[in-house]
Amino acid sequence: METFVRDENLKLYRRLLAETQDEDRRRVLKQLIAQLTERDPQTSTSG
């Protein structure tokens, strides 16, 4: 279940990152993505 939630969060953050032009929001989203992928480096990087 934890893996599912993490993967869904990654999908959401990547979608929001692709859609937003706000640099502050993009920075936060990139940090969130980095935190989630650091926990499990085998997580898919495709969106």
N, C-alpha and C. Protein backbone atom coordinates (compact mmCIF):
# COMPACT_ATOMS: atom_id res chain seq x y z
N MET A 1 0.82 -1.20 0.00
CA MET A 1 0.00 0.00 0.00
C MET A 1 0.86 1.26 0.00
N GLU A 2 1.93 1.25 0.80
CA GLU A 2 2.82 2.41 0.87
C GLU A 2 3.45 2.70 -0.50
N THR A 3 3.81 1.64 -1.21
CA THR A 3 4.39 1.81 -2.54
C THR A 3 3.39 2.44 -3.49
N PHE A 4 2.14 2.01 -3.41
CA PHE A 4 1.10 2.57 -4.27
C PHE A 4 0.94 4.07 -4.02
N VAL A 5 0.87 4.45 -2.76
CA VAL A 5 0.69 5.87 -2.40
C VAL A 5 1.88 6.68 -2.90
N ARG A 6 3.10 6.17 -2.69
CA ARG A 6 4.29 6.89 -3.16
C ARG A 6 4.26 7.06 -4.68
N ASP A 7 3.93 6.00 -5.39
CA ASP A 7 3.88 6.07 -6.85
C ASP A 7 2.83 7.05 -7.34
N GLU A 8 1.68 7.06 -6.68
CA GLU A 8 0.62 8.00 -7.06
C GLU A 8 1.04 9.44 -6.77
N ASN A 9 1.71 9.65 -5.65
CA ASN A 9 2.21 10.99 -5.33
C ASN A 9 3.23 11.44 -6.36
N LEU A 10 4.12 10.54 -6.76
CA LEU A 10 5.10 10.88 -7.79
C LEU A 10 4.41 11.27 -9.10
N LYS A 11 3.41 10.54 -9.50
CA LYS A 11 2.66 10.87 -10.72
C LYS A 11 2.06 12.27 -10.61
N LEU A 12 1.44 12.53 -9.45
CA LEU A 12 0.82 13.84 -9.24
C LEU A 12 1.85 14.96 -9.28
N TYR A 13 2.94 14.80 -8.55
CA TYR A 13 3.97 15.84 -8.50
C TYR A 13 4.57 16.08 -9.88
N ARG A 14 4.80 15.03 -10.63
CA ARG A 14 5.36 15.19 -11.99
C ARG A 14 4.38 15.90 -12.92
N ARG A 15 3.09 15.57 -12.78
CA ARG A 15 2.09 16.23 -13.62
C ARG A 15 2.02 17.72 -13.27
N LEU A 16 1.99 18.02 -11.98
CA LEU A 16 1.95 19.42 -11.56
C LEU A 16 3.21 20.17 -12.00
N LEU A 17 4.35 19.49 -11.93
CA LEU A 17 5.61 20.11 -12.36
C LEU A 17 5.56 20.46 -13.84
N ALA A 18 4.98 19.59 -14.64
CA ALA A 18 4.88 19.83 -16.08
C ALA A 18 3.91 20.97 -16.39
N GLU A 19 2.92 21.16 -15.53
CA GLU A 19 1.87 22.14 -15.80
C GLU A 19 2.17 23.54 -15.27
N THR A 20 2.96 23.66 -14.21
CA THR A 20 3.13 24.96 -13.56
C THR A 20 4.31 25.75 -14.15
N GLN A 21 4.15 27.06 -14.13
CA GLN A 21 5.22 27.96 -14.56
C GLN A 21 5.82 28.71 -13.38
N ASP A 22 5.20 28.59 -12.22
CA ASP A 22 5.65 29.27 -11.00
C ASP A 22 6.94 28.62 -10.50
N GLU A 23 8.02 29.39 -10.49
CA GLU A 23 9.33 28.84 -10.12
C GLU A 23 9.40 28.34 -8.67
N ASP A 24 8.72 29.03 -7.76
CA ASP A 24 8.71 28.58 -6.37
C ASP A 24 8.01 27.22 -6.24
N ARG A 25 6.88 27.11 -6.92
CA ARG A 25 6.14 25.85 -6.88
C ARG A 25 6.94 24.73 -7.53
N ARG A 26 7.60 25.04 -8.65
CA ARG A 26 8.43 24.04 -9.33
C ARG A 26 9.56 23.55 -8.42
N ARG A 27 10.16 24.48 -7.68
CA ARG A 27 11.25 24.12 -6.76
C ARG A 27 10.76 23.16 -5.69
N VAL A 28 9.59 23.47 -5.12
CA VAL A 28 9.02 22.61 -4.08
C VAL A 28 8.68 21.24 -4.64
N LEU A 29 8.08 21.21 -5.81
CA LEU A 29 7.72 19.92 -6.43
C LEU A 29 8.97 19.09 -6.72
N LYS A 30 10.02 19.72 -7.19
CA LYS A 30 11.27 19.00 -7.45
C LYS A 30 11.85 18.43 -6.16
N GLN A 31 11.75 19.19 -5.07
CA GLN A 31 12.23 18.69 -3.78
C GLN A 31 11.41 17.49 -3.31
N LEU A 32 10.10 17.57 -3.48
CA LEU A 32 9.23 16.45 -3.09
C LEU A 32 9.55 15.20 -3.90
N ILE A 33 9.73 15.38 -5.20
CA ILE A 33 10.07 14.25 -6.07
C ILE A 33 11.42 13.65 -5.64
N ALA A 34 12.37 14.51 -5.37
CA ALA A 34 13.69 14.03 -4.95
C ALA A 34 13.60 13.25 -3.64
N GLN A 35 12.83 13.74 -2.70
CA GLN A 35 12.68 13.03 -1.42
C GLN A 35 12.06 11.66 -1.61
N LEU A 36 11.05 11.57 -2.44
CA LEU A 36 10.40 10.28 -2.66
C LEU A 36 11.30 9.30 -3.41
N THR A 37 12.06 9.80 -4.36
CA THR A 37 12.92 8.90 -5.13
C THR A 37 14.16 8.51 -4.36
N GLU A 38 14.60 9.34 -3.40
CA GLU A 38 15.74 8.97 -2.56
C GLU A 38 15.40 7.80 -1.65
N ARG A 39 14.15 7.74 -1.21
CA ARG A 39 13.72 6.64 -0.33
C ARG A 39 13.75 5.30 -1.04
N ASP A 40 13.46 5.30 -2.34
CA ASP A 40 13.44 4.07 -3.12
C ASP A 40 14.00 4.37 -4.51
N PRO A 41 15.33 4.24 -4.68
CA PRO A 41 15.96 4.59 -5.96
C PRO A 41 15.46 3.76 -7.14
N GLN A 42 14.80 2.64 -6.90
CA GLN A 42 14.30 1.81 -7.99
C GLN A 42 12.95 2.28 -8.52
N THR A 43 12.41 3.34 -7.93
CA THR A 43 11.14 3.88 -8.38
C THR A 43 11.28 4.37 -9.81
N SER A 44 10.30 4.06 -10.61
CA SER A 44 10.30 4.44 -12.02
C SER A 44 10.39 5.95 -12.18
N THR A 45 11.16 6.42 -13.14
CA THR A 45 11.27 7.85 -13.40
C THR A 45 10.35 8.28 -14.53
N SER A 46 9.63 7.35 -15.13
CA SER A 46 8.70 7.74 -16.19
C SER A 46 7.43 8.23 -15.58
N GLY A 47 6.78 9.21 -16.27
CA GLY A 47 5.60 9.80 -15.71
C GLY A 47 4.41 9.23 -16.29
